[in-house]
Amino acid sequence: MAFSDPEHNIAQFGLNERMTVADLGAGSGAYTIVAAERVKGFGQVYAVEVQRDLLPRVKKLASSKGLSNVEVLWGDIESDGGTKIASGVIDAAIVSNILFQVEDVQGFMKELRRILKPEGKVLTVDWKESYNHMGPAPDAVFSEQKAKTLFEESGFAIKQEIEAGDHHYGFISLKENGE
């Protein structure tokens, strides 16, 4: 698999129809749509994005696929309460191709912990390298080791690595109890 495929990555994440999911930095909604299809029934997906102009596109895409379980939120994933999601309600969060863009990583990790239920899980996918003018600039790549260290130091346990494509890494972590 050459490039990161949301369908393939979400299949490894183990979502079910009763989960509440947050796609943080949802962008064009590729992960949002796949997650919404997986939790269809009783589940809900929040697509949180700071670029306001992307939100109507995500909502339109969800509607075109008959998905009524997607809520788009204009929010700041790096600030306390910035996602506009209540504390402790998210079963699973998706953090895909955003770490290299996050300016306040500690603020982001604090907000991630705040919205997750105890032992909520996170799917992290990001670029291994800058590839052929795609993804981050070479000096902006957020390495897998740096990402794992960030999560571990922020109160998460790395549970498993996933196959995320030739140019991406991926892992699933669990929020450990505390605060």
C-alpha atoms as a PDB file:
ATOM      1  CA  MET A   1       0.000   0.000   0.000  1.00  0.00           C
ATOM      2  CA  ALA A   2       1.727   3.144  -1.187  1.00  0.00           C
ATOM      3  CA  PHE A   3      -0.278   5.844   0.535  1.00  0.00           C
ATOM      4  CA  SER A   4      -2.161   6.022   3.761  1.00  0.00           C
ATOM      5  CA  ASP A   5      -5.704   4.721   3.249  1.00  0.00           C
ATOM      6  CA  PRO A   6      -8.324   5.858   5.784  1.00  0.00           C
ATOM      7  CA  GLU A   7     -10.455   2.745   5.158  1.00  0.00           C
ATOM      8  CA  HIS A   8      -7.505   0.441   5.853  1.00  0.00           C
ATOM      9  CA  ASN A   9      -6.362   2.430   8.901  1.00  0.00           C
ATOM     10  CA  ILE A  10      -9.823   2.665  10.467  1.00  0.00           C
ATOM     11  CA  ALA A  11     -10.337  -1.087   9.924  1.00  0.00           C
ATOM     12  CA  GLN A  12      -7.381  -1.646  12.273  1.00  0.00           C
ATOM     13  CA  PHE A  13      -8.826   0.728  14.901  1.00  0.00           C
ATOM     14  CA  GLY A  14     -11.733  -1.454  16.014  1.00  0.00           C
ATOM     15  CA  LEU A  15     -14.623   1.005  15.987  1.00  0.00           C
ATOM     16  CA  ASN A  16     -18.145  -0.243  16.675  1.00  0.00           C
ATOM     17  CA  GLU A  17     -21.654   1.123  16.231  1.00  0.00           C
ATOM     18  CA  ARG A  18     -21.987   2.424  19.776  1.00  0.00           C
ATOM     19  CA  MET A  19     -18.877   4.608  19.808  1.00  0.00           C
ATOM     20  CA  THR A  20     -18.551   8.362  19.887  1.00  0.00           C
ATOM     21  CA  VAL A  21     -15.568   9.397  17.775  1.00  0.00           C
ATOM     22  CA  ALA A  22     -13.690  12.681  17.314  1.00  0.00           C
ATOM     23  CA  ASP A  23     -11.715  13.339  14.140  1.00  0.00           C
ATOM     24  CA  LEU A  24      -9.347  16.082  15.278  1.00  0.00           C
ATOM     25  CA  GLY A  25      -8.108  18.224  12.429  1.00  0.00           C
ATOM     26  CA  ALA A  26     -10.643  16.572  10.139  1.00  0.00           C
ATOM     27  CA  GLY A  27      -9.552  18.420   6.997  1.00  0.00           C
ATOM     28  CA  SER A  28     -11.542  17.198   3.995  1.00  0.00           C
ATOM     29  CA  GLY A  29     -13.236  14.528   6.114  1.00  0.00           C
ATOM     30  CA  ALA A  30     -11.733  11.330   4.701  1.00  0.00           C
ATOM     31  CA  TYR A  31     -11.407   9.743   8.161  1.00  0.00           C
ATOM     32  CA  THR A  32     -14.657  11.307   9.365  1.00  0.00           C
ATOM     33  CA  ILE A  33     -16.660   9.562   6.642  1.00  0.00           C
ATOM     34  CA  VAL A  34     -15.050   6.146   7.145  1.00  0.00           C
ATOM     35  CA  ALA A  35     -15.511   6.409  10.934  1.00  0.00           C
ATOM     36  CA  ALA A  36     -19.148   7.511  10.520  1.00  0.00           C
ATOM     37  CA  GLU A  37     -19.831   4.468   8.343  1.00  0.00           C
ATOM     38  CA  ARG A  38     -18.263   2.210  11.010  1.00  0.00           C
ATOM     39  CA  VAL A  39     -20.293   3.633  13.922  1.00  0.00           C
ATOM     40  CA  LYS A  40     -23.532   4.072  11.952  1.00  0.00           C
ATOM     41  CA  GLY A  41     -26.507   3.076  14.044  1.00  0.00           C
ATOM     42  CA  PHE A  42     -25.957   4.466  17.504  1.00  0.00           C
ATOM     43  CA  GLY A  43     -22.541   6.089  17.085  1.00  0.00           C
ATOM     44  CA  GLN A  44     -21.600   9.705  16.487  1.00  0.00           C
ATOM     45  CA  VAL A  45     -18.596  11.365  14.822  1.00  0.00           C
ATOM     46  CA  TYR A  46     -17.430  14.896  15.550  1.00  0.00           C
ATOM     47  CA  ALA A  47     -15.318  16.400  12.775  1.00  0.00           C
ATOM     48  CA  VAL A  48     -13.295  19.193  14.398  1.00  0.00           C
ATOM     49  CA  GLU A  49     -11.495  21.573  12.063  1.00  0.00           C
ATOM     50  CA  VAL A  50     -10.009  25.058  12.465  1.00  0.00           C
ATOM     51  CA  GLN A  51     -10.391  25.922   8.758  1.00  0.00           C
ATOM     52  CA  ARG A  52     -14.021  27.005   8.703  1.00  0.00           C
ATOM     53  CA  ASP A  53     -14.376  26.691   4.905  1.00  0.00           C
ATOM     54  CA  LEU A  54     -13.769  22.916   5.044  1.00  0.00           C
ATOM     55  CA  LEU A  55     -16.682  22.202   7.386  1.00  0.00           C
ATOM     56  CA  PRO A  56     -19.570  22.600   4.905  1.00  0.00           C
ATOM     57  CA  ARG A  57     -17.727  20.304   2.495  1.00  0.00           C
ATOM     58  CA  VAL A  58     -17.418  17.605   5.157  1.00  0.00           C
ATOM     59  CA  LYS A  59     -21.096  17.935   6.069  1.00  0.00           C
ATOM     60  CA  LYS A  60     -22.123  17.805   2.385  1.00  0.00           C
ATOM     61  CA  LEU A  61     -19.978  14.707   1.823  1.00  0.00           C
ATOM     62  CA  ALA A  62     -21.555  12.989   4.843  1.00  0.00           C
ATOM     63  CA  SER A  63     -25.058  13.891   3.633  1.00  0.00           C
ATOM     64  CA  SER A  64     -24.313  12.620   0.126  1.00  0.00           C
ATOM     65  CA  LYS A  65     -23.433   9.249   1.670  1.00  0.00           C
ATOM     66  CA  GLY A  66     -26.583   9.184   3.819  1.00  0.00           C
ATOM     67  CA  LEU A  67     -24.656   9.685   7.050  1.00  0.00           C
ATOM     68  CA  SER A  68     -26.634  11.684   9.606  1.00  0.00           C
ATOM     69  CA  ASN A  69     -24.263  10.863  12.466  1.00  0.00           C
ATOM     70  CA  VAL A  70     -21.610  13.474  11.615  1.00  0.00           C
ATOM     71  CA  GLU A  71     -21.425  16.778  13.437  1.00  0.00           C
ATOM     72  CA  VAL A  72     -18.944  19.333  12.139  1.00  0.00           C
ATOM     73  CA  LEU A  73     -17.376  21.660  14.686  1.00  0.00           C
ATOM     74  CA  TRP A  74     -15.263  24.717  14.059  1.00  0.00           C
ATOM     75  CA  GLY A  75     -12.703  24.486  16.814  1.00  0.00           C
ATOM     76  CA  ASP A  76      -9.162  24.785  18.050  1.00  0.00           C
ATOM     77  CA  ILE A  77      -7.738  21.391  18.996  1.00  0.00           C
ATOM     78  CA  GLU A  78      -4.825  23.058  20.803  1.00  0.00           C
ATOM     79  CA  SER A  79      -6.738  24.958  23.493  1.00  0.00           C
ATOM     80  CA  ASP A  80      -8.666  23.947  26.587  1.00  0.00           C
ATOM     81  CA  GLY A  81     -12.275  23.488  25.525  1.00  0.00           C
ATOM     82  CA  GLY A  82     -11.354  24.493  21.979  1.00  0.00           C
ATOM     83  CA  THR A  83     -12.923  21.432  20.370  1.00  0.00           C
ATOM     84  CA  LYS A  84     -16.317  22.401  21.833  1.00  0.00           C
ATOM     85  CA  ILE A  85     -16.758  18.750  22.870  1.00  0.00           C
ATOM     86  CA  ALA A  86     -17.834  17.984  26.441  1.00  0.00           C
ATOM     87  CA  SER A  87     -15.298  16.411  28.802  1.00  0.00           C
ATOM     88  CA  GLY A  88     -15.029  12.637  28.922  1.00  0.00           C
ATOM     89  CA  VAL A  89     -17.482  11.736  26.147  1.00  0.00           C
ATOM     90  CA  ILE A  90     -15.228  10.452  23.346  1.00  0.00           C
ATOM     91  CA  ASP A  91     -14.560   6.709  23.025  1.00  0.00           C
ATOM     92  CA  ALA A  92     -12.071   7.038  20.183  1.00  0.00           C
ATOM     93  CA  ALA A  93     -10.159   9.918  18.608  1.00  0.00           C
ATOM     94  CA  ILE A  94      -8.463  10.137  15.232  1.00  0.00           C
ATOM     95  CA  VAL A  95      -5.265  12.164  14.920  1.00  0.00           C
ATOM     96  CA  SER A  96      -4.291  11.901  11.258  1.00  0.00           C
ATOM     97  CA  ASN A  97      -1.615  13.959   9.514  1.00  0.00           C
ATOM     98  CA  ILE A  98      -1.848  16.852  11.953  1.00  0.00           C
ATOM     99  CA  LEU A  99       1.004  16.474  14.448  1.00  0.00           C
ATOM    100  CA  PHE A 100       3.429  18.261  12.144  1.00  0.00           C
ATOM    101  CA  GLN A 101       1.016  21.226  12.041  1.00  0.00           C
ATOM    102  CA  VAL A 102       0.254  21.503  15.769  1.00  0.00           C
ATOM    103  CA  GLU A 103       1.967  24.500  17.316  1.00  0.00           C
ATOM    104  CA  ASP A 104       1.046  23.843  20.969  1.00  0.00           C
ATOM    105  CA  VAL A 105       1.518  20.087  21.366  1.00  0.00           C
ATOM    106  CA  GLN A 106       1.007  20.224  25.141  1.00  0.00           C
ATOM    107  CA  GLY A 107      -2.241  22.152  24.686  1.00  0.00           C
ATOM    108  CA  PHE A 108      -3.347  19.609  22.088  1.00  0.00           C
ATOM    109  CA  MET A 109      -2.558  16.638  24.335  1.00  0.00           C
ATOM    110  CA  LYS A 110      -4.381  18.267  27.258  1.00  0.00           C
ATOM    111  CA  GLU A 111      -7.499  18.835  25.115  1.00  0.00           C
ATOM    112  CA  LEU A 112      -7.292  15.272  23.763  1.00  0.00           C
ATOM    113  CA  ARG A 113      -7.165  13.854  27.300  1.00  0.00           C
ATOM    114  CA  ARG A 114     -10.013  16.121  28.385  1.00  0.00           C
ATOM    115  CA  ILE A 115     -12.499  14.916  25.761  1.00  0.00           C
ATOM    116  CA  LEU A 116     -11.637  11.201  25.986  1.00  0.00           C
ATOM    117  CA  LYS A 117     -13.450   8.825  28.304  1.00  0.00           C
ATOM    118  CA  PRO A 118     -11.260   6.952  30.802  1.00  0.00           C
ATOM    119  CA  GLU A 119      -9.337   4.431  28.712  1.00  0.00           C
ATOM    120  CA  GLY A 120     -10.489   6.081  25.483  1.00  0.00           C
ATOM    121  CA  LYS A 121      -8.339   5.218  22.512  1.00  0.00           C
ATOM    122  CA  VAL A 122      -6.505   7.228  19.882  1.00  0.00           C
ATOM    123  CA  LEU A 123      -5.506   6.346  16.328  1.00  0.00           C
ATOM    124  CA  THR A 124      -2.438   8.352  15.360  1.00  0.00           C
ATOM    125  CA  VAL A 125      -1.285   8.433  11.736  1.00  0.00           C
ATOM    126  CA  ASP A 126       1.346  10.808  10.390  1.00  0.00           C
ATOM    127  CA  TRP A 127       4.050  11.162   7.769  1.00  0.00           C
ATOM    128  CA  LYS A 128       7.285   9.157   8.078  1.00  0.00           C
ATOM    129  CA  GLU A 129       9.058  11.620   5.821  1.00  0.00           C
ATOM    130  CA  SER A 130       8.501  14.383   3.349  1.00  0.00           C
ATOM    131  CA  TYR A 131       7.704  12.541   0.156  1.00  0.00           C
ATOM    132  CA  ASN A 132       7.921  13.931  -3.360  1.00  0.00           C
ATOM    133  CA  HIS A 133       6.582  17.377  -2.363  1.00  0.00           C
ATOM    134  CA  MET A 134       3.711  15.821  -0.410  1.00  0.00           C
ATOM    135  CA  GLY A 135       3.145  16.105   3.304  1.00  0.00           C
ATOM    136  CA  PRO A 136       5.243  18.284   5.585  1.00  0.00           C
ATOM    137  CA  ALA A 137       8.519  19.963   4.774  1.00  0.00           C
ATOM    138  CA  PRO A 138      11.445  17.711   5.764  1.00  0.00           C
ATOM    139  CA  ASP A 139      12.233  19.754   8.886  1.00  0.00           C
ATOM    140  CA  ALA A 140       8.557  19.676   9.983  1.00  0.00           C
ATOM    141  CA  VAL A 141       8.118  15.876   9.996  1.00  0.00           C
ATOM    142  CA  PHE A 142       6.907  14.697  13.423  1.00  0.00           C
ATOM    143  CA  SER A 143       8.732  11.380  13.780  1.00  0.00           C
ATOM    144  CA  GLU A 144       7.089   8.215  15.038  1.00  0.00           C
ATOM    145  CA  GLN A 145       9.416   8.068  18.041  1.00  0.00           C
ATOM    146  CA  LYS A 146       8.694  11.694  18.912  1.00  0.00           C
ATOM    147  CA  ALA A 147       4.943  11.023  18.611  1.00  0.00           C
ATOM    148  CA  LYS A 148       5.089   7.912  20.802  1.00  0.00           C
ATOM    149  CA  THR A 149       7.152   9.758  23.413  1.00  0.00           C
ATOM    150  CA  LEU A 150       4.673  12.653  23.377  1.00  0.00           C
ATOM    151  CA  PHE A 151       1.733  10.300  23.933  1.00  0.00           C
ATOM    152  CA  GLU A 152       3.491   8.303  26.656  1.00  0.00           C
ATOM    153  CA  GLU A 153       4.569  11.448  28.501  1.00  0.00           C
ATOM    154  CA  SER A 154       0.980  12.732  28.235  1.00  0.00           C
ATOM    155  CA  GLY A 155      -0.546   9.717  29.986  1.00  0.00           C
ATOM    156  CA  PHE A 156      -1.211   7.299  27.132  1.00  0.00           C
ATOM    157  CA  ALA A 157      -0.082   3.704  26.709  1.00  0.00           C
ATOM    158  CA  ILE A 158       0.951   2.655  23.203  1.00  0.00           C
ATOM    159  CA  LYS A 159      -1.043  -0.527  22.538  1.00  0.00           C
ATOM    160  CA  GLN A 160      -0.211  -1.454  18.957  1.00  0.00           C
ATOM    161  CA  GLU A 161       1.306  -0.251  15.741  1.00  0.00           C
ATOM    162  CA  ILE A 162      -0.761  -0.344  12.576  1.00  0.00           C
ATOM    163  CA  GLU A 163       0.186  -0.661   8.922  1.00  0.00           C
ATOM    164  CA  ALA A 164      -0.436   2.865   7.646  1.00  0.00           C
ATOM    165  CA  GLY A 165       1.211   2.872   4.214  1.00  0.00           C
ATOM    166  CA  ASP A 166       4.713   3.273   2.854  1.00  0.00           C
ATOM    167  CA  HIS A 167       5.020   6.939   3.787  1.00  0.00           C
ATOM    168  CA  HIS A 168       3.099   6.987   7.083  1.00  0.00           C
ATOM    169  CA  TYR A 169       3.371   5.448  10.513  1.00  0.00           C
ATOM    170  CA  GLY A 170       0.437   4.598  12.716  1.00  0.00           C
ATOM    171  CA  PHE A 171      -0.282   3.446  16.239  1.00  0.00           C
ATOM    172  CA  ILE A 172      -3.144   3.046  18.662  1.00  0.00           C
ATOM    173  CA  SER A 173      -2.810   4.306  22.215  1.00  0.00           C
ATOM    174  CA  LEU A 174      -5.057   4.199  25.264  1.00  0.00           C
ATOM    175  CA  LYS A 175      -5.665   6.976  27.746  1.00  0.00           C
ATOM    176  CA  GLU A 176      -4.452   5.791  31.115  1.00  0.00           C
ATOM    177  CA  ASN A 177      -6.462   6.674  34.171  1.00  0.00           C
ATOM    178  CA  GLY A 178      -5.509   9.702  36.176  1.00  0.00           C
ATOM    179  CA  GLU A 179      -6.677  13.294  36.339  1.00  0.00           C
END
